[in-house]
C-alpha atoms as a PDB file:
ATOM      1  CA  UNK A   1      -0.234   0.379  -0.376  1.00  0.00           C
ATOM      2  CA  UNK A   2       1.491   3.621  -0.954  1.00  0.00           C
ATOM      3  CA  UNK A   3       1.120   5.962   1.654  1.00  0.00           C
ATOM      4  CA  UNK A   4       0.732   9.822   0.447  1.00  0.00           C
ATOM      5  CA  UNK A   5       2.315  12.280   3.367  1.00  0.00           C
ATOM      6  CA  UNK A   6       2.194  15.638   4.173  1.00  0.00           C
ATOM      7  CA  UNK A   7       4.322  17.167   6.655  1.00  0.00           C
ATOM      8  CA  UNK A   8       3.638  20.319   8.645  1.00  0.00           C
ATOM      9  CA  UNK A   9       6.835  21.372  10.694  1.00  0.00           C
ATOM     10  CA  UNK A  10       8.486  24.899  11.640  1.00  0.00           C
ATOM     11  CA  UNK A  11      11.877  23.369  11.753  1.00  0.00           C
ATOM     12  CA  UNK A  12      13.342  23.762   8.064  1.00  0.00           C
ATOM     13  CA  UNK A  13      16.396  21.547   8.878  1.00  0.00           C
ATOM     14  CA  UNK A  14      14.281  18.800  11.124  1.00  0.00           C
ATOM     15  CA  UNK A  15      11.367  18.266   8.149  1.00  0.00           C
ATOM     16  CA  UNK A  16      13.972  18.409   5.366  1.00  0.00           C
ATOM     17  CA  UNK A  17      15.517  15.533   7.346  1.00  0.00           C
ATOM     18  CA  UNK A  18      12.556  13.732   8.289  1.00  0.00           C
ATOM     19  CA  UNK A  19      11.512  14.338   4.463  1.00  0.00           C
ATOM     20  CA  UNK A  20      14.370  12.305   3.396  1.00  0.00           C
ATOM     21  CA  UNK A  21      14.478   9.814   5.999  1.00  0.00           C
ATOM     22  CA  UNK A  22      11.036   8.332   5.449  1.00  0.00           C
ATOM     23  CA  UNK A  23      10.933   8.699   1.552  1.00  0.00           C
ATOM     24  CA  UNK A  24      14.107   5.995   1.366  1.00  0.00           C
ATOM     25  CA  UNK A  25      10.634   3.712   2.282  1.00  0.00           C
ATOM     26  CA  UNK A  26       9.286   2.693  -0.997  1.00  0.00           C
ATOM     27  CA  UNK A  27       5.612   2.148   0.485  1.00  0.00           C
ATOM     28  CA  UNK A  28       5.656   6.146   0.981  1.00  0.00           C
ATOM     29  CA  UNK A  29       5.260   8.708  -0.754  1.00  0.00           C
ATOM     30  CA  UNK A  30       6.049  12.530   0.396  1.00  0.00           C
ATOM     31  CA  UNK A  31       3.104  14.687  -1.914  1.00  0.00           C
ATOM     32  CA  UNK A  32       3.993  18.056   0.209  1.00  0.00           C
ATOM     33  CA  UNK A  33       5.812  19.743   3.409  1.00  0.00           C
ATOM     34  CA  UNK A  34       5.227  23.157   4.651  1.00  0.00           C
ATOM     35  CA  UNK A  35       5.904  25.213   8.289  1.00  0.00           C
ATOM     36  CA  UNK A  36       2.602  26.943   8.344  1.00  0.00           C
ATOM     37  CA  UNK A  37      -0.977  25.529   9.537  1.00  0.00           C
ATOM     38  CA  UNK A  38      -2.686  27.859   7.154  1.00  0.00           C
ATOM     39  CA  UNK A  39      -0.996  26.344   4.375  1.00  0.00           C
ATOM     40  CA  UNK A  40      -1.359  23.009   5.621  1.00  0.00           C
ATOM     41  CA  UNK A  41      -5.063  23.389   5.386  1.00  0.00           C
ATOM     42  CA  UNK A  42      -4.813  24.816   1.480  1.00  0.00           C
ATOM     43  CA  UNK A  43      -2.550  21.929   1.101  1.00  0.00           C
ATOM     44  CA  UNK A  44      -4.722  18.952   2.017  1.00  0.00           C
ATOM     45  CA  UNK A  45      -7.283  20.301  -0.171  1.00  0.00           C
ATOM     46  CA  UNK A  46      -4.784  19.990  -3.213  1.00  0.00           C
ATOM     47  CA  UNK A  47      -3.063  17.237  -2.526  1.00  0.00           C
ATOM     48  CA  UNK A  48      -5.212  14.665  -0.998  1.00  0.00           C
ATOM     49  CA  UNK A  49      -2.979  13.063   1.232  1.00  0.00           C
ATOM     50  CA  UNK A  50      -3.283   9.999   3.328  1.00  0.00           C
ATOM     51  CA  UNK A  51      -1.807  10.596   6.461  1.00  0.00           C
ATOM     52  CA  UNK A  52      -0.162  14.179   7.977  1.00  0.00           C
ATOM     53  CA  UNK A  53       2.455  14.222  10.435  1.00  0.00           C
ATOM     54  CA  UNK A  54       1.876  17.505  12.295  1.00  0.00           C
ATOM     55  CA  UNK A  55       3.988  19.538  14.565  1.00  0.00           C
ATOM     56  CA  UNK A  56       2.246  21.496  17.310  1.00  0.00           C
ATOM     57  CA  UNK A  57       3.753  24.541  17.801  1.00  0.00           C
ATOM     58  CA  UNK A  58       3.449  26.538  14.590  1.00  0.00           C
ATOM     59  CA  UNK A  59       4.374  29.795  14.025  1.00  0.00           C
ATOM     60  CA  UNK A  60       0.239  30.634  12.973  1.00  0.00           C
ATOM     61  CA  UNK A  61      -1.825  28.155  14.241  1.00  0.00           C
ATOM     62  CA  UNK A  62      -1.907  25.348  17.026  1.00  0.00           C
ATOM     63  CA  UNK A  63      -1.395  21.659  15.119  1.00  0.00           C
ATOM     64  CA  UNK A  64      -3.778  20.359  17.443  1.00  0.00           C
ATOM     65  CA  UNK A  65      -6.679  23.003  15.855  1.00  0.00           C
ATOM     66  CA  UNK A  66      -5.443  22.278  12.368  1.00  0.00           C
ATOM     67  CA  UNK A  67      -5.557  18.766  12.737  1.00  0.00           C
ATOM     68  CA  UNK A  68      -9.302  19.425  14.200  1.00  0.00           C
ATOM     69  CA  UNK A  69     -10.046  21.296  10.941  1.00  0.00           C
ATOM     70  CA  UNK A  70      -8.467  18.727   8.552  1.00  0.00           C
ATOM     71  CA  UNK A  71     -10.438  15.742  10.209  1.00  0.00           C
ATOM     72  CA  UNK A  72     -13.726  17.775  10.742  1.00  0.00           C
ATOM     73  CA  UNK A  73     -13.677  18.321   7.012  1.00  0.00           C
ATOM     74  CA  UNK A  74     -11.745  14.845   5.746  1.00  0.00           C
ATOM     75  CA  UNK A  75     -12.347  12.504   8.409  1.00  0.00           C
ATOM     76  CA  UNK A  76     -10.754   9.753   6.109  1.00  0.00           C
ATOM     77  CA  UNK A  77      -7.196  11.121   6.366  1.00  0.00           C
ATOM     78  CA  UNK A  78      -5.006   9.900   9.168  1.00  0.00           C
ATOM     79  CA  UNK A  79      -2.673  12.538  11.486  1.00  0.00           C
ATOM     80  CA  UNK A  80      -0.004  11.924  13.543  1.00  0.00           C
ATOM     81  CA  UNK A  81       1.128  14.498  16.461  1.00  0.00           C
ATOM     82  CA  UNK A  82       4.953  14.825  15.894  1.00  0.00           C
ATOM     83  CA  UNK A  83       6.204  16.820  18.906  1.00  0.00           C
ATOM     84  CA  UNK A  84       9.217  17.306  21.380  1.00  0.00           C
ATOM     85  CA  UNK A  85       6.156  18.215  23.731  1.00  0.00           C
ATOM     86  CA  UNK A  86       5.232  15.477  26.242  1.00  0.00           C
ATOM     87  CA  UNK A  87       2.275  17.517  27.617  1.00  0.00           C
ATOM     88  CA  UNK A  88      -0.718  15.051  29.087  1.00  0.00           C
ATOM     89  CA  UNK A  89      -2.897  17.962  28.235  1.00  0.00           C
ATOM     90  CA  UNK A  90      -1.646  18.314  24.757  1.00  0.00           C
ATOM     91  CA  UNK A  91      -1.826  14.536  24.189  1.00  0.00           C
ATOM     92  CA  UNK A  92      -5.369  14.521  25.633  1.00  0.00           C
ATOM     93  CA  UNK A  93      -6.559  17.527  23.552  1.00  0.00           C
ATOM     94  CA  UNK A  94      -5.085  15.529  20.482  1.00  0.00           C
ATOM     95  CA  UNK A  95      -6.598  12.609  20.892  1.00  0.00           C
ATOM     96  CA  UNK A  96      -9.994  14.278  21.200  1.00  0.00           C
ATOM     97  CA  UNK A  97      -9.320  16.377  17.991  1.00  0.00           C
ATOM     98  CA  UNK A  98      -9.382  13.266  16.644  1.00  0.00           C
ATOM     99  CA  UNK A  99      -5.458  12.062  15.760  1.00  0.00           C
ATOM    100  CA  UNK A 100      -4.422   8.836  15.619  1.00  0.00           C
ATOM    101  CA  UNK A 101      -0.912   9.134  16.981  1.00  0.00           C
ATOM    102  CA  UNK A 102       1.053  10.982  19.024  1.00  0.00           C
ATOM    103  CA  UNK A 103       5.295  10.429  18.652  1.00  0.00           C
ATOM    104  CA  UNK A 104       7.899  12.226  20.701  1.00  0.00           C
ATOM    105  CA  UNK A 105      10.626  13.662  18.701  1.00  0.00           C
ATOM    106  CA  UNK A 106      12.875  12.517  21.164  1.00  0.00           C
ATOM    107  CA  UNK A 107      12.424   9.010  19.454  1.00  0.00           C
ATOM    108  CA  UNK A 108      14.515   7.352  16.582  1.00  0.00           C
ATOM    109  CA  UNK A 109      12.992   7.642  12.742  1.00  0.00           C
ATOM    110  CA  UNK A 110      12.022   4.040  12.455  1.00  0.00           C
ATOM    111  CA  UNK A 111       9.386   5.235  15.716  1.00  0.00           C
ATOM    112  CA  UNK A 112       7.801   7.432  13.333  1.00  0.00           C
ATOM    113  CA  UNK A 113       7.534   4.625  10.330  1.00  0.00           C
ATOM    114  CA  UNK A 114       6.281   1.817  12.832  1.00  0.00           C
ATOM    115  CA  UNK A 115       3.517   4.499  13.848  1.00  0.00           C
ATOM    116  CA  UNK A 116       2.666   5.396  10.414  1.00  0.00           C
ATOM    117  CA  UNK A 117       2.326   1.648   9.843  1.00  0.00           C
ATOM    118  CA  UNK A 118       0.436   1.015  12.456  1.00  0.00           C
ATOM    119  CA  UNK A 119      -2.019   3.857  12.050  1.00  0.00           C
ATOM    120  CA  UNK A 120      -2.669   3.162   8.605  1.00  0.00           C
ATOM    121  CA  UNK A 121      -4.188  -0.487   9.766  1.00  0.00           C
ATOM    122  CA  UNK A 122      -6.619   1.701  11.462  1.00  0.00           C
ATOM    123  CA  UNK A 123      -4.656   1.391  15.073  1.00  0.00           C
ATOM    124  CA  UNK A 124      -3.772   4.114  17.485  1.00  0.00           C
ATOM    125  CA  UNK A 125       0.039   5.107  18.641  1.00  0.00           C
ATOM    126  CA  UNK A 126       1.249   6.771  21.395  1.00  0.00           C
ATOM    127  CA  UNK A 127       5.057   6.923  22.249  1.00  0.00           C
ATOM    128  CA  UNK A 128       5.933   4.806  25.105  1.00  0.00           C
ATOM    129  CA  UNK A 129       7.085   7.590  27.293  1.00  0.00           C
ATOM    130  CA  UNK A 130       3.492   8.827  27.204  1.00  0.00           C
ATOM    131  CA  UNK A 131       1.570   5.274  27.285  1.00  0.00           C
ATOM    132  CA  UNK A 132       3.871   5.135  30.721  1.00  0.00           C
ATOM    133  CA  UNK A 133       2.284   8.267  32.542  1.00  0.00           C
ATOM    134  CA  UNK A 134      -1.025   7.303  31.267  1.00  0.00           C
ATOM    135  CA  UNK A 135      -1.304   4.191  32.460  1.00  0.00           C
ATOM    136  CA  UNK A 136       0.427   5.580  35.764  1.00  0.00           C
ATOM    137  CA  UNK A 137      -2.701   8.123  36.101  1.00  0.00           C
ATOM    138  CA  UNK A 138      -5.282   5.153  34.965  1.00  0.00           C
ATOM    139  CA  UNK A 139      -3.610   3.257  37.772  1.00  0.00           C
ATOM    140  CA  UNK A 140      -3.813   5.951  40.246  1.00  0.00           C
ATOM    141  CA  UNK A 141      -7.265   6.947  39.209  1.00  0.00           C
ATOM    142  CA  UNK A 142      -8.493   3.371  40.253  1.00  0.00           C
ATOM    143  CA  UNK A 143      -7.118   3.572  43.461  1.00  0.00           C
ATOM    144  CA  UNK A 144      -8.901   7.195  44.364  1.00  0.00           C
ATOM    145  CA  UNK A 145      -5.325   8.908  44.396  1.00  0.00           C
ATOM    146  CA  UNK A 146      -4.674  10.938  41.465  1.00  0.00           C
ATOM    147  CA  UNK A 147      -4.763  15.146  41.577  1.00  0.00           C
ATOM    148  CA  UNK A 148      -6.919  16.705  39.499  1.00  0.00           C
ATOM    149  CA  UNK A 149      -5.473  17.697  36.591  1.00  0.00           C
ATOM    150  CA  UNK A 150      -5.813  21.339  35.277  1.00  0.00           C
ATOM    151  CA  UNK A 151      -6.839  21.572  31.428  1.00  0.00           C
ATOM    152  CA  UNK A 152      -4.137  22.950  29.126  1.00  0.00           C
ATOM    153  CA  UNK A 153      -4.759  26.264  26.940  1.00  0.00           C
ATOM    154  CA  UNK A 154      -3.565  26.902  23.738  1.00  0.00           C
ATOM    155  CA  UNK A 155      -1.638  30.174  23.076  1.00  0.00           C
ATOM    156  CA  UNK A 156      -4.849  30.931  21.396  1.00  0.00           C
ATOM    157  CA  UNK A 157      -7.198  29.896  24.155  1.00  0.00           C
ATOM    158  CA  UNK A 158      -5.175  31.985  26.055  1.00  0.00           C
ATOM    159  CA  UNK A 159      -5.385  35.319  24.046  1.00  0.00           C
ATOM    160  CA  UNK A 160      -9.112  34.676  23.844  1.00  0.00           C
ATOM    161  CA  UNK A 161      -9.280  34.304  27.248  1.00  0.00           C
ATOM    162  CA  UNK A 162      -7.557  37.365  27.792  1.00  0.00           C
ATOM    163  CA  UNK A 163      -9.850  39.399  25.265  1.00  0.00           C
ATOM    164  CA  UNK A 164     -12.989  38.184  26.826  1.00  0.00           C
ATOM    165  CA  UNK A 165     -11.828  39.168  30.457  1.00  0.00           C
ATOM    166  CA  UNK A 166     -11.484  42.822  29.167  1.00  0.00           C
ATOM    167  CA  UNK A 167     -14.642  42.819  28.098  1.00  0.00           C
ATOM    168  CA  UNK A 168     -14.387  42.579  23.977  1.00  0.00           C
ATOM    169  CA  UNK A 169     -17.419  41.668  22.213  1.00  0.00           C
ATOM    170  CA  UNK A 170     -16.888  38.701  19.414  1.00  0.00           C
ATOM    171  CA  UNK A 171     -16.662  40.823  16.408  1.00  0.00           C
ATOM    172  CA  UNK A 172     -13.651  42.729  18.312  1.00  0.00           C
ATOM    173  CA  UNK A 173     -12.184  39.688  19.273  1.00  0.00           C
ATOM    174  CA  UNK A 174     -12.333  38.192  15.576  1.00  0.00           C
ATOM    175  CA  UNK A 175     -10.661  41.454  14.058  1.00  0.00           C
ATOM    176  CA  UNK A 176      -7.438  40.980  16.859  1.00  0.00           C
ATOM    177  CA  UNK A 177      -6.957  37.051  16.187  1.00  0.00           C
ATOM    178  CA  UNK A 178      -7.694  37.439  12.253  1.00  0.00           C
ATOM    179  CA  UNK A 179     -10.541  34.749  12.466  1.00  0.00           C
ATOM    180  CA  UNK A 180     -14.000  34.802  11.622  1.00  0.00           C
ATOM    181  CA  UNK A 181     -16.753  35.719  14.301  1.00  0.00           C
ATOM    182  CA  UNK A 182     -17.795  32.039  14.212  1.00  0.00           C
ATOM    183  CA  UNK A 183     -14.925  30.732  14.643  1.00  0.00           C
ATOM    184  CA  UNK A 184     -14.940  33.058  17.989  1.00  0.00           C
ATOM    185  CA  UNK A 185     -18.050  31.401  19.034  1.00  0.00           C
ATOM    186  CA  UNK A 186     -16.849  27.966  18.556  1.00  0.00           C
ATOM    187  CA  UNK A 187     -13.574  28.820  20.474  1.00  0.00           C
ATOM    188  CA  UNK A 188     -15.433  29.859  23.240  1.00  0.00           C
ATOM    189  CA  UNK A 189     -18.077  27.338  23.482  1.00  0.00           C
ATOM    190  CA  UNK A 190     -15.109  24.633  23.433  1.00  0.00           C
ATOM    191  CA  UNK A 191     -13.344  27.054  25.946  1.00  0.00           C
ATOM    192  CA  UNK A 192     -15.971  27.156  28.468  1.00  0.00           C
ATOM    193  CA  UNK A 193     -16.651  23.511  28.128  1.00  0.00           C
ATOM    194  CA  UNK A 194     -12.508  23.088  28.936  1.00  0.00           C
ATOM    195  CA  UNK A 195     -12.335  25.098  31.676  1.00  0.00           C
ATOM    196  CA  UNK A 196     -15.886  24.410  33.420  1.00  0.00           C
ATOM    197  CA  UNK A 197     -17.043  27.779  32.700  1.00  0.00           C
ATOM    198  CA  UNK A 198     -20.794  28.456  32.367  1.00  0.00           C
ATOM    199  CA  UNK A 199     -20.811  32.259  31.327  1.00  0.00           C
ATOM    200  CA  UNK A 200     -18.570  34.808  30.474  1.00  0.00           C
ATOM    201  CA  UNK A 201     -18.140  36.145  34.133  1.00  0.00           C
ATOM    202  CA  UNK A 202     -17.207  32.726  35.162  1.00  0.00           C
ATOM    203  CA  UNK A 203     -14.520  32.947  32.313  1.00  0.00           C
ATOM    204  CA  UNK A 204     -13.225  36.419  33.748  1.00  0.00           C
ATOM    205  CA  UNK A 205     -13.173  34.742  37.145  1.00  0.00           C
ATOM    206  CA  UNK A 206     -10.883  31.636  35.753  1.00  0.00           C
ATOM    207  CA  UNK A 207      -8.591  34.147  33.907  1.00  0.00           C
ATOM    208  CA  UNK A 208      -7.805  36.157  36.993  1.00  0.00           C
ATOM    209  CA  UNK A 209      -7.892  33.257  39.080  1.00  0.00           C
ATOM    210  CA  UNK A 210      -5.409  31.318  37.113  1.00  0.00           C
ATOM    211  CA  UNK A 211      -3.131  34.241  36.668  1.00  0.00           C
ATOM    212  CA  UNK A 212      -3.817  34.772  32.844  1.00  0.00           C
ATOM    213  CA  UNK A 213      -5.477  38.372  33.476  1.00  0.00           C
ATOM    214  CA  UNK A 214      -4.591  40.373  36.429  1.00  0.00           C
ATOM    215  CA  UNK A 215      -7.448  41.495  38.800  1.00  0.00           C
END
């Protein structure tokens, strides 16, 4: 089975080395690469990849948000997060967005290749270091000793939260963040669910309590 790959990473040397490494495998075809989340959305429509290897910390959008948008429009595409950040909140957000794998950059190229093969077979893949943390938390949950975990907020979510706390309306926020009003409404609704708030006043109190804005 030939797998058409798209790589999204903002480190040129890493991306180039990665592209050269995986294309040595006869069943992989590199159809595109980019450092931008916005450009990735365009390339998906133009190139129709089978699988996307996606970094999280991109210069314009979060790789998780880009993945969420891609998968909402193209559920047959597979996405593997390829990141140096092992934060559990990011792993949870990525899986909730619909990605099929999360591979740490600290591993070897063979691990990424293995992840691609498994994901294309319809399976999920997490780097062993991530599995260990998840299993340990599961064990503590069973014992009733796991501490409550704060939700991880992306930079985009923090920016939105700051502007809500400043009293800005959705139209103003959309202008500042260069997104549509509809996107602001979606982000806001998702943010409220994530942090357990039911209205804007609760969001403001949360932002102050967590030190995201000053009182």
